[in-house]
């Protein structure tokens, strides 16, 4: 179950995104991504650390690269917004270093290239 404070923060953030002219698709995708994170971490936003982010994002290893990148972008946007709004003292994304991304093993090769030469 999500922390009620986090639900309010996410909805306020998404309202600001919509007001800023972000597409309905982006707002909808970020809502889903941020709620997923909110179910993972149920504490207050002030307790989110780089370690919490690392644990959450490492759990997405089986997802497509685009999904992982969007979820990371949603979190980065949320924390930057919350920091600017003085809801948090520090942005935990600034202390987190993204691991190098590798494509999934079943990724397709460009036309005319075989798996061993792909990459």
N, C-alpha and C. Protein backbone atom coordinates (compact mmCIF):
# COMPACT_ATOMS: atom_id res chain seq x y z
N UNK A 1 0.83 -1.18 0.00
CA UNK A 1 0.00 0.00 0.00
C UNK A 1 0.88 1.25 0.00
N UNK A 2 0.51 2.22 -0.79
CA UNK A 2 1.30 3.43 -0.91
C UNK A 2 1.09 4.36 0.29
N UNK A 3 2.14 5.07 0.62
CA UNK A 3 2.10 6.10 1.64
C UNK A 3 1.19 7.24 1.14
N UNK A 4 0.20 7.65 1.93
CA UNK A 4 -0.70 8.73 1.49
C UNK A 4 0.03 10.02 1.12
N UNK A 5 1.10 10.34 1.83
CA UNK A 5 1.90 11.53 1.50
C UNK A 5 2.48 11.40 0.09
N UNK A 6 2.96 10.21 -0.24
CA UNK A 6 3.56 10.00 -1.55
C UNK A 6 2.50 10.10 -2.65
N UNK A 7 1.31 9.60 -2.40
CA UNK A 7 0.22 9.71 -3.39
C UNK A 7 -0.05 11.17 -3.69
N UNK A 8 -0.14 11.99 -2.64
CA UNK A 8 -0.40 13.42 -2.82
C UNK A 8 0.73 14.10 -3.59
N UNK A 9 1.96 13.79 -3.23
CA UNK A 9 3.12 14.39 -3.91
C UNK A 9 3.13 14.00 -5.38
N UNK A 10 2.90 12.74 -5.67
CA UNK A 10 2.88 12.28 -7.06
C UNK A 10 1.79 13.00 -7.84
N UNK A 11 0.60 13.08 -7.29
CA UNK A 11 -0.51 13.73 -8.00
C UNK A 11 -0.26 15.22 -8.21
N UNK A 12 0.33 15.90 -7.21
CA UNK A 12 0.68 17.32 -7.37
C UNK A 12 1.73 17.49 -8.46
N UNK A 13 2.72 16.62 -8.47
CA UNK A 13 3.76 16.65 -9.50
C UNK A 13 3.16 16.44 -10.89
N UNK A 14 2.29 15.46 -11.02
CA UNK A 14 1.68 15.18 -12.32
C UNK A 14 0.78 16.33 -12.78
N UNK A 15 0.11 16.97 -11.86
CA UNK A 15 -0.70 18.14 -12.19
C UNK A 15 0.18 19.25 -12.75
N UNK A 16 1.34 19.46 -12.13
CA UNK A 16 2.28 20.47 -12.63
C UNK A 16 2.82 20.10 -14.01
N UNK A 17 3.08 18.81 -14.23
CA UNK A 17 3.54 18.36 -15.55
C UNK A 17 2.50 18.67 -16.62
N UNK A 18 1.26 18.36 -16.32
CA UNK A 18 0.18 18.62 -17.28
C UNK A 18 0.04 20.11 -17.55
N UNK A 19 0.12 20.92 -16.50
CA UNK A 19 0.05 22.38 -16.67
C UNK A 19 1.21 22.91 -17.51
N UNK A 20 2.35 22.23 -17.42
CA UNK A 20 3.54 22.64 -18.18
C UNK A 20 3.47 22.17 -19.64
N UNK A 21 2.39 21.49 -19.98
CA UNK A 21 2.19 21.08 -21.36
C UNK A 21 2.74 19.72 -21.75
N UNK A 22 3.12 18.92 -20.76
CA UNK A 22 3.57 17.56 -21.09
C UNK A 22 2.39 16.77 -21.65
N UNK A 23 2.69 15.84 -22.52
CA UNK A 23 1.63 15.08 -23.18
C UNK A 23 0.87 14.22 -22.17
N UNK A 24 -0.38 13.95 -22.50
CA UNK A 24 -1.20 13.07 -21.65
C UNK A 24 -0.56 11.70 -21.53
N UNK A 25 0.09 11.24 -22.61
CA UNK A 25 0.77 9.95 -22.58
C UNK A 25 1.90 9.96 -21.55
N UNK A 26 2.70 11.02 -21.53
CA UNK A 26 3.80 11.13 -20.57
C UNK A 26 3.26 11.14 -19.14
N UNK A 27 2.23 11.94 -18.90
CA UNK A 27 1.64 12.03 -17.56
C UNK A 27 1.11 10.67 -17.13
N UNK A 28 0.44 9.97 -18.02
CA UNK A 28 -0.12 8.65 -17.70
C UNK A 28 1.01 7.64 -17.41
N UNK A 29 2.06 7.66 -18.24
CA UNK A 29 3.17 6.73 -18.03
C UNK A 29 3.91 7.03 -16.73
N UNK A 30 4.15 8.32 -16.46
CA UNK A 30 4.82 8.69 -15.21
C UNK A 30 3.96 8.30 -14.00
N UNK A 31 2.64 8.46 -14.09
CA UNK A 31 1.76 8.07 -12.98
C UNK A 31 1.96 6.58 -12.67
N UNK A 32 1.93 5.78 -13.69
CA UNK A 32 2.10 4.34 -13.51
C UNK A 32 3.48 4.02 -12.92
N UNK A 33 4.51 4.65 -13.47
CA UNK A 33 5.88 4.40 -13.01
C UNK A 33 6.08 4.83 -11.56
N UNK A 34 5.59 6.01 -11.22
CA UNK A 34 5.78 6.53 -9.87
C UNK A 34 4.95 5.77 -8.84
N UNK A 35 3.78 5.32 -9.24
CA UNK A 35 2.99 4.50 -8.32
C UNK A 35 3.66 3.15 -8.08
N UNK A 36 4.30 2.61 -9.12
CA UNK A 36 5.06 1.37 -8.95
C UNK A 36 6.16 1.58 -7.92
N UNK A 37 6.88 2.69 -8.03
CA UNK A 37 7.92 3.00 -7.05
C UNK A 37 7.30 3.19 -5.66
N UNK A 38 6.15 3.86 -5.60
CA UNK A 38 5.47 4.10 -4.32
C UNK A 38 5.03 2.82 -3.64
N UNK A 39 4.74 1.80 -4.41
CA UNK A 39 4.41 0.49 -3.81
C UNK A 39 5.68 -0.21 -3.32
N UNK A 40 6.81 0.07 -3.98
CA UNK A 40 8.09 -0.50 -3.57
C UNK A 40 8.57 0.13 -2.27
N UNK A 41 8.54 1.46 -2.22
CA UNK A 41 9.01 2.19 -1.04
C UNK A 41 7.82 2.89 -0.40
N UNK A 42 7.46 2.45 0.78
CA UNK A 42 6.24 2.97 1.42
C UNK A 42 6.52 4.01 2.49
N UNK A 43 7.77 4.38 2.66
CA UNK A 43 8.11 5.39 3.66
C UNK A 43 7.90 6.81 3.13
N UNK A 44 8.24 7.79 3.96
CA UNK A 44 8.11 9.18 3.52
C UNK A 44 9.17 9.55 2.49
N UNK A 45 8.87 10.52 1.66
CA UNK A 45 9.76 10.91 0.58
C UNK A 45 11.13 11.36 1.11
N UNK A 46 11.15 11.94 2.29
CA UNK A 46 12.41 12.42 2.87
C UNK A 46 13.39 11.28 3.17
N UNK A 47 12.90 10.06 3.24
CA UNK A 47 13.76 8.91 3.57
C UNK A 47 14.27 8.17 2.33
N UNK A 48 13.95 8.67 1.16
CA UNK A 48 14.42 8.01 -0.06
C UNK A 48 15.88 8.40 -0.29
N UNK A 49 16.71 7.38 -0.42
CA UNK A 49 18.15 7.58 -0.60
C UNK A 49 18.59 6.97 -1.93
N UNK A 50 19.84 7.22 -2.26
CA UNK A 50 20.40 6.59 -3.45
C UNK A 50 20.33 5.07 -3.34
N UNK A 51 20.49 4.54 -2.13
CA UNK A 51 20.40 3.09 -1.92
C UNK A 51 19.02 2.55 -2.22
N UNK A 52 17.99 3.28 -1.82
CA UNK A 52 16.61 2.89 -2.12
C UNK A 52 16.40 2.89 -3.63
N UNK A 53 16.88 3.93 -4.30
CA UNK A 53 16.74 4.01 -5.75
C UNK A 53 17.49 2.87 -6.44
N UNK A 54 18.68 2.58 -5.96
CA UNK A 54 19.48 1.49 -6.53
C UNK A 54 18.74 0.16 -6.40
N UNK A 55 18.16 -0.08 -5.23
CA UNK A 55 17.42 -1.33 -5.01
C UNK A 55 16.22 -1.41 -5.94
N UNK A 56 15.47 -0.33 -6.06
CA UNK A 56 14.30 -0.33 -6.93
C UNK A 56 14.69 -0.53 -8.39
N UNK A 57 15.63 0.27 -8.85
CA UNK A 57 15.98 0.23 -10.27
C UNK A 57 16.69 -1.07 -10.64
N UNK A 58 17.44 -1.65 -9.73
CA UNK A 58 18.08 -2.94 -10.04
C UNK A 58 17.03 -4.04 -10.17
N UNK A 59 15.90 -3.87 -9.53
CA UNK A 59 14.81 -4.83 -9.64
C UNK A 59 14.10 -4.78 -10.98
N UNK A 60 14.44 -3.80 -11.80
CA UNK A 60 13.83 -3.65 -13.13
C UNK A 60 14.68 -4.28 -14.23
N UNK A 61 15.69 -5.02 -13.85
CA UNK A 61 16.65 -5.56 -14.82
C UNK A 61 16.00 -6.35 -15.95
N UNK A 62 14.89 -7.01 -15.71
CA UNK A 62 14.25 -7.80 -16.75
C UNK A 62 13.36 -6.99 -17.69
N UNK A 63 13.21 -5.72 -17.41
CA UNK A 63 12.35 -4.87 -18.24
C UNK A 63 13.13 -4.34 -19.45
N UNK A 64 12.41 -3.89 -20.44
CA UNK A 64 13.03 -3.31 -21.63
C UNK A 64 13.82 -2.06 -21.25
N UNK A 65 14.87 -1.77 -22.00
CA UNK A 65 15.68 -0.58 -21.74
C UNK A 65 14.84 0.69 -21.74
N UNK A 66 13.90 0.80 -22.65
CA UNK A 66 13.06 2.00 -22.72
C UNK A 66 12.21 2.14 -21.46
N UNK A 67 11.72 1.04 -20.94
CA UNK A 67 10.92 1.07 -19.70
C UNK A 67 11.78 1.52 -18.54
N UNK A 68 12.97 0.94 -18.42
CA UNK A 68 13.87 1.32 -17.33
C UNK A 68 14.26 2.78 -17.43
N UNK A 69 14.54 3.24 -18.63
CA UNK A 69 14.93 4.65 -18.82
C UNK A 69 13.77 5.59 -18.47
N UNK A 70 12.56 5.23 -18.86
CA UNK A 70 11.41 6.08 -18.55
C UNK A 70 11.17 6.12 -17.04
N UNK A 71 11.29 4.99 -16.37
CA UNK A 71 11.08 4.97 -14.92
C UNK A 71 12.14 5.80 -14.21
N UNK A 72 13.37 5.72 -14.67
CA UNK A 72 14.43 6.54 -14.10
C UNK A 72 14.15 8.02 -14.36
N UNK A 73 13.69 8.35 -15.56
CA UNK A 73 13.37 9.74 -15.89
C UNK A 73 12.21 10.26 -15.04
N UNK A 74 11.21 9.42 -14.81
CA UNK A 74 10.07 9.82 -13.98
C UNK A 74 10.54 10.13 -12.56
N UNK A 75 11.38 9.27 -12.01
CA UNK A 75 11.90 9.50 -10.66
C UNK A 75 12.77 10.75 -10.62
N UNK A 76 13.65 10.91 -11.61
CA UNK A 76 14.52 12.09 -11.63
C UNK A 76 13.69 13.38 -11.71
N UNK A 77 12.66 13.38 -12.52
CA UNK A 77 11.80 14.56 -12.64
C UNK A 77 11.06 14.84 -11.33
N UNK A 78 10.53 13.79 -10.72
CA UNK A 78 9.80 13.95 -9.46
C UNK A 78 10.71 14.53 -8.38
N UNK A 79 11.91 13.97 -8.22
CA UNK A 79 12.79 14.42 -7.14
C UNK A 79 13.33 15.83 -7.40
N UNK A 80 13.60 16.16 -8.65
CA UNK A 80 14.04 17.53 -8.98
C UNK A 80 12.92 18.51 -8.64
N UNK A 81 11.68 18.16 -8.99
CA UNK A 81 10.52 18.99 -8.69
C UNK A 81 10.34 19.14 -7.18
N UNK A 82 10.42 18.03 -6.45
CA UNK A 82 10.23 18.06 -5.00
C UNK A 82 11.33 18.88 -4.32
N UNK A 83 12.54 18.80 -4.85
CA UNK A 83 13.65 19.58 -4.30
C UNK A 83 13.42 21.08 -4.53
N UNK A 84 13.03 21.44 -5.74
CA UNK A 84 12.75 22.85 -6.05
C UNK A 84 11.60 23.39 -5.20
N UNK A 85 10.63 22.53 -4.88
CA UNK A 85 9.48 22.92 -4.07
C UNK A 85 9.79 22.84 -2.57
N UNK A 86 11.04 22.51 -2.24
CA UNK A 86 11.50 22.42 -0.85
C UNK A 86 10.75 21.37 -0.03
N UNK A 87 10.34 20.30 -0.71
CA UNK A 87 9.71 19.17 -0.02
C UNK A 87 10.76 18.21 0.53
N UNK A 88 11.94 18.24 -0.08
CA UNK A 88 13.05 17.40 0.36
C UNK A 88 14.30 18.27 0.44
N UNK A 89 15.23 17.90 1.33
CA UNK A 89 16.45 18.68 1.52
C UNK A 89 17.50 18.42 0.45
N UNK A 90 17.43 17.26 -0.17
CA UNK A 90 18.40 16.90 -1.20
C UNK A 90 17.73 15.99 -2.22
N UNK A 91 18.18 16.05 -3.43
CA UNK A 91 17.67 15.21 -4.50
C UNK A 91 18.44 13.89 -4.50
N UNK A 92 17.81 12.77 -4.14
CA UNK A 92 18.55 11.51 -4.06
C UNK A 92 19.08 11.02 -5.41
N UNK A 93 18.52 11.52 -6.51
CA UNK A 93 19.02 11.10 -7.83
C UNK A 93 20.43 11.64 -8.08
N UNK A 94 20.80 12.75 -7.44
CA UNK A 94 22.13 13.31 -7.67
C UNK A 94 23.22 12.45 -7.03
N UNK A 95 22.87 11.62 -6.06
CA UNK A 95 23.83 10.75 -5.40
C UNK A 95 23.84 9.34 -5.99
N UNK A 96 22.98 9.10 -6.97
CA UNK A 96 22.86 7.77 -7.56
C UNK A 96 23.54 7.76 -8.91
N UNK A 97 24.32 6.74 -9.17
CA UNK A 97 24.99 6.59 -10.45
C UNK A 97 24.35 5.43 -11.18
N UNK A 98 23.88 5.70 -12.37
CA UNK A 98 23.23 4.66 -13.16
C UNK A 98 24.26 3.64 -13.63
N UNK A 99 23.92 2.35 -13.53
CA UNK A 99 24.81 1.33 -14.07
C UNK A 99 24.77 1.36 -15.60
N UNK A 100 25.81 0.86 -16.20
CA UNK A 100 25.81 0.77 -17.66
C UNK A 100 24.70 -0.17 -18.09
N UNK A 101 23.92 0.24 -19.05
CA UNK A 101 22.81 -0.59 -19.53
C UNK A 101 23.29 -1.54 -20.61
N UNK A 102 22.82 -2.75 -20.53
CA UNK A 102 23.09 -3.74 -21.56
C UNK A 102 21.78 -4.15 -22.19
N UNK A 103 21.77 -4.32 -23.50
CA UNK A 103 20.54 -4.79 -24.12
C UNK A 103 20.24 -6.21 -23.66
N UNK A 104 18.95 -6.54 -23.68
CA UNK A 104 18.57 -7.91 -23.33
C UNK A 104 19.17 -8.87 -24.35
N UNK A 105 19.43 -10.09 -23.94
CA UNK A 105 20.11 -11.06 -24.79
C UNK A 105 19.30 -11.41 -26.03
N UNK A 106 17.99 -11.24 -25.99
CA UNK A 106 17.18 -11.60 -27.15
C UNK A 106 16.90 -10.39 -28.05
N UNK A 107 17.68 -9.33 -27.85
CA UNK A 107 17.50 -8.15 -28.69
C UNK A 107 17.81 -8.50 -30.15
N UNK A 108 17.10 -7.88 -31.06
CA UNK A 108 17.30 -8.16 -32.48
C UNK A 108 18.53 -7.44 -33.01
N UNK A 109 19.17 -8.10 -33.95
CA UNK A 109 20.31 -7.48 -34.64
C UNK A 109 19.79 -6.71 -35.84
N UNK A 110 20.56 -5.72 -36.27
CA UNK A 110 20.16 -5.01 -37.49
C UNK A 110 20.10 -5.99 -38.66
N UNK A 111 19.31 -5.69 -39.68
CA UNK A 111 19.22 -6.58 -40.84
C UNK A 111 20.60 -6.86 -41.43
N UNK A 112 20.83 -8.11 -41.77
CA UNK A 112 22.09 -8.50 -42.40
C UNK A 112 23.21 -8.81 -41.43
N UNK A 113 22.95 -8.73 -40.13
CA UNK A 113 24.00 -9.01 -39.14
C UNK A 113 23.56 -10.19 -38.28
N UNK A 114 24.52 -11.03 -37.91
CA UNK A 114 24.21 -12.19 -37.08
C UNK A 114 24.48 -11.84 -35.62
N UNK A 115 23.97 -12.69 -34.72
CA UNK A 115 24.15 -12.45 -33.29
C UNK A 115 25.62 -12.24 -32.89
N UNK A 116 26.57 -13.08 -33.32
CA UNK A 116 27.95 -12.86 -32.89
C UNK A 116 28.54 -11.52 -33.35
N UNK A 117 28.11 -11.02 -34.50
CA UNK A 117 28.68 -9.75 -34.98
C UNK A 117 27.86 -8.55 -34.53
N UNK A 118 26.75 -8.82 -33.89
CA UNK A 118 25.86 -7.76 -33.44
C UNK A 118 26.44 -7.13 -32.16
N UNK A 119 26.39 -5.84 -32.04
CA UNK A 119 26.79 -5.27 -30.78
C UNK A 119 27.72 -4.21 -30.92
